[in-house]
Amino acid sequence: MNERDLGLQRVSPSWYRGFDAIYRKELAAWFGTHRWINQSIIWMALTLTPALMVPAATHDRGVAVLTLFLWSGSNMMSIGTVILTQGAIVEEKLTQTLM
């Protein structure tokens, strides 16, 4: 009797075994709702608003806008990462899958 007779499949011993199922679950949880659209709009508004307020009389407006955009964007990304990570930790605690 071999594996095919029993209907079993050989499992690959790679590091990413099971990653596909988890990846699809996470994508469905995030993009399955319209929550990601609202989050994208809010974070873009928070990032772009300070960059649009740079005065027009600035000598090199392009460099000023780029610097402000990158600075505020990195700060907003840090805050967003903390918020999303905290949400993931709370979800794992509620489902009791985090050891």
C-alpha atoms as a PDB file:
ATOM      1  CA  MET A   1       0.000   0.000   0.000  1.00  0.00           C
ATOM      2  CA  ASN A   2       1.476   3.353  -0.968  1.00  0.00           C
ATOM      3  CA  GLU A   3       0.539   6.993  -0.431  1.00  0.00           C
ATOM      4  CA  ARG A   4      -1.580   7.270  -3.555  1.00  0.00           C
ATOM      5  CA  ASP A   5      -3.757   4.334  -2.552  1.00  0.00           C
ATOM      6  CA  LEU A   6      -4.578   6.070   0.718  1.00  0.00           C
ATOM      7  CA  GLY A   7      -5.243   9.449  -0.950  1.00  0.00           C
ATOM      8  CA  LEU A   8      -2.368  11.128   0.856  1.00  0.00           C
ATOM      9  CA  GLN A   9      -0.096  13.773  -0.560  1.00  0.00           C
ATOM     10  CA  ARG A  10       3.586  14.165   0.189  1.00  0.00           C
ATOM     11  CA  VAL A  11       4.348  17.263   2.246  1.00  0.00           C
ATOM     12  CA  SER A  12       7.346  19.313   1.236  1.00  0.00           C
ATOM     13  CA  PRO A  13       9.825  19.946   4.074  1.00  0.00           C
ATOM     14  CA  SER A  14      10.351  23.580   3.138  1.00  0.00           C
ATOM     15  CA  TRP A  15      10.256  26.622   5.405  1.00  0.00           C
ATOM     16  CA  TYR A  16       7.169  28.094   3.704  1.00  0.00           C
ATOM     17  CA  ARG A  17       4.927  25.076   4.175  1.00  0.00           C
ATOM     18  CA  GLY A  18       1.460  26.366   5.099  1.00  0.00           C
ATOM     19  CA  PHE A  19       2.333  29.934   4.151  1.00  0.00           C
ATOM     20  CA  ASP A  20      -0.100  29.980   1.222  1.00  0.00           C
ATOM     21  CA  ALA A  21      -3.116  29.203   3.415  1.00  0.00           C
ATOM     22  CA  ILE A  22      -2.160  31.822   5.991  1.00  0.00           C
ATOM     23  CA  TYR A  23      -1.439  34.394   3.275  1.00  0.00           C
ATOM     24  CA  ARG A  24      -4.846  33.851   1.648  1.00  0.00           C
ATOM     25  CA  LYS A  25      -6.567  34.101   5.051  1.00  0.00           C
ATOM     26  CA  GLU A  26      -4.866  37.404   5.850  1.00  0.00           C
ATOM     27  CA  LEU A  27      -5.620  38.880   2.413  1.00  0.00           C
ATOM     28  CA  ALA A  28      -9.261  37.832   2.696  1.00  0.00           C
ATOM     29  CA  ALA A  29      -9.481  39.365   6.175  1.00  0.00           C
ATOM     30  CA  TRP A  30      -8.050  42.685   4.972  1.00  0.00           C
ATOM     31  CA  PHE A  31      -9.321  43.061   1.395  1.00  0.00           C
ATOM     32  CA  GLY A  32     -12.561  41.123   1.941  1.00  0.00           C
ATOM     33  CA  THR A  33     -14.084  44.212   3.542  1.00  0.00           C
ATOM     34  CA  HIS A  34     -13.996  47.852   2.495  1.00  0.00           C
ATOM     35  CA  ARG A  35     -11.990  48.781   5.586  1.00  0.00           C
ATOM     36  CA  TRP A  36      -8.763  49.014   3.592  1.00  0.00           C
ATOM     37  CA  ILE A  37     -10.206  51.753   1.340  1.00  0.00           C
ATOM     38  CA  ASN A  38     -11.051  53.945   4.327  1.00  0.00           C
ATOM     39  CA  GLN A  39      -7.634  53.323   5.887  1.00  0.00           C
ATOM     40  CA  SER A  40      -5.856  54.175   2.626  1.00  0.00           C
ATOM     41  CA  ILE A  41      -7.749  57.445   2.235  1.00  0.00           C
ATOM     42  CA  ILE A  42      -7.136  58.474   5.851  1.00  0.00           C
ATOM     43  CA  TRP A  43      -3.394  57.712   5.742  1.00  0.00           C
ATOM     44  CA  MET A  44      -2.919  59.431   2.384  1.00  0.00           C
ATOM     45  CA  ALA A  45      -4.721  62.518   3.693  1.00  0.00           C
ATOM     46  CA  LEU A  46      -2.594  62.573   6.856  1.00  0.00           C
ATOM     47  CA  THR A  47       0.578  62.199   4.824  1.00  0.00           C
ATOM     48  CA  LEU A  48      -0.186  64.649   2.015  1.00  0.00           C
ATOM     49  CA  THR A  49      -1.834  67.487   3.965  1.00  0.00           C
ATOM     50  CA  PRO A  50       1.406  68.888   5.472  1.00  0.00           C
ATOM     51  CA  ALA A  51       3.173  68.607   2.110  1.00  0.00           C
ATOM     52  CA  LEU A  52       0.475  70.712   0.431  1.00  0.00           C
ATOM     53  CA  MET A  53       0.826  73.467   3.023  1.00  0.00           C
ATOM     54  CA  VAL A  54       4.391  74.382   2.003  1.00  0.00           C
ATOM     55  CA  PRO A  55       4.357  78.057   0.955  1.00  0.00           C
ATOM     56  CA  ALA A  56       4.586  78.763  -2.774  1.00  0.00           C
ATOM     57  CA  ALA A  57       7.354  81.357  -2.234  1.00  0.00           C
ATOM     58  CA  THR A  58       9.848  78.676  -1.226  1.00  0.00           C
ATOM     59  CA  HIS A  59      12.927  78.876  -3.453  1.00  0.00           C
ATOM     60  CA  ASP A  60      13.135  75.176  -4.139  1.00  0.00           C
ATOM     61  CA  ARG A  61       9.571  74.008  -3.572  1.00  0.00           C
ATOM     62  CA  GLY A  62      10.179  70.512  -4.981  1.00  0.00           C
ATOM     63  CA  VAL A  63      12.886  69.639  -2.468  1.00  0.00           C
ATOM     64  CA  ALA A  64      10.871  71.139   0.396  1.00  0.00           C
ATOM     65  CA  VAL A  65       7.748  69.172  -0.528  1.00  0.00           C
ATOM     66  CA  LEU A  66       9.703  65.942  -1.010  1.00  0.00           C
ATOM     67  CA  THR A  67      11.499  66.340   2.321  1.00  0.00           C
ATOM     68  CA  LEU A  68       8.280  67.085   4.188  1.00  0.00           C
ATOM     69  CA  PHE A  69       6.439  64.254   2.433  1.00  0.00           C
ATOM     70  CA  LEU A  70       9.139  61.684   3.257  1.00  0.00           C
ATOM     71  CA  TRP A  71       9.467  62.882   6.849  1.00  0.00           C
ATOM     72  CA  SER A  72       5.742  62.876   7.565  1.00  0.00           C
ATOM     73  CA  GLY A  73       5.248  59.680   5.561  1.00  0.00           C
ATOM     74  CA  SER A  74       7.812  57.807   7.621  1.00  0.00           C
ATOM     75  CA  ASN A  75       6.203  59.018  10.840  1.00  0.00           C
ATOM     76  CA  MET A  76       2.741  58.014   9.654  1.00  0.00           C
ATOM     77  CA  MET A  77       4.036  54.625   8.538  1.00  0.00           C
ATOM     78  CA  SER A  78       5.493  54.051  11.999  1.00  0.00           C
ATOM     79  CA  ILE A  79       2.225  54.938  13.688  1.00  0.00           C
ATOM     80  CA  GLY A  80       0.243  52.804  11.235  1.00  0.00           C
ATOM     81  CA  THR A  81       2.543  49.835  11.796  1.00  0.00           C
ATOM     82  CA  VAL A  82       2.056  50.069  15.551  1.00  0.00           C
ATOM     83  CA  ILE A  83      -1.734  50.283  15.183  1.00  0.00           C
ATOM     84  CA  LEU A  84      -1.937  47.310  12.796  1.00  0.00           C
ATOM     85  CA  THR A  85       0.414  45.235  14.939  1.00  0.00           C
ATOM     86  CA  GLN A  86      -1.600  45.935  18.069  1.00  0.00           C
ATOM     87  CA  GLY A  87      -4.756  44.898  16.219  1.00  0.00           C
ATOM     88  CA  ALA A  88      -3.117  41.645  15.150  1.00  0.00           C
ATOM     89  CA  ILE A  89      -1.936  40.917  18.688  1.00  0.00           C
ATOM     90  CA  VAL A  90      -5.405  41.543  20.126  1.00  0.00           C
ATOM     91  CA  GLU A  91      -6.961  39.287  17.467  1.00  0.00           C
ATOM     92  CA  GLU A  92      -4.480  36.509  18.244  1.00  0.00           C
ATOM     93  CA  LYS A  93      -5.204  36.831  21.966  1.00  0.00           C
ATOM     94  CA  LEU A  94      -8.960  36.632  21.334  1.00  0.00           C
ATOM     95  CA  THR A  95      -8.635  33.531  19.189  1.00  0.00           C
ATOM     96  CA  GLN A  96      -6.140  32.061  21.699  1.00  0.00           C
ATOM     97  CA  THR A  97      -3.640  31.059  19.018  1.00  0.00           C
ATOM     98  CA  LEU A  98      -0.782  33.122  20.432  1.00  0.00           C
ATOM     99  CA  MET A  99       1.360  31.282  22.944  1.00  0.00           C
END
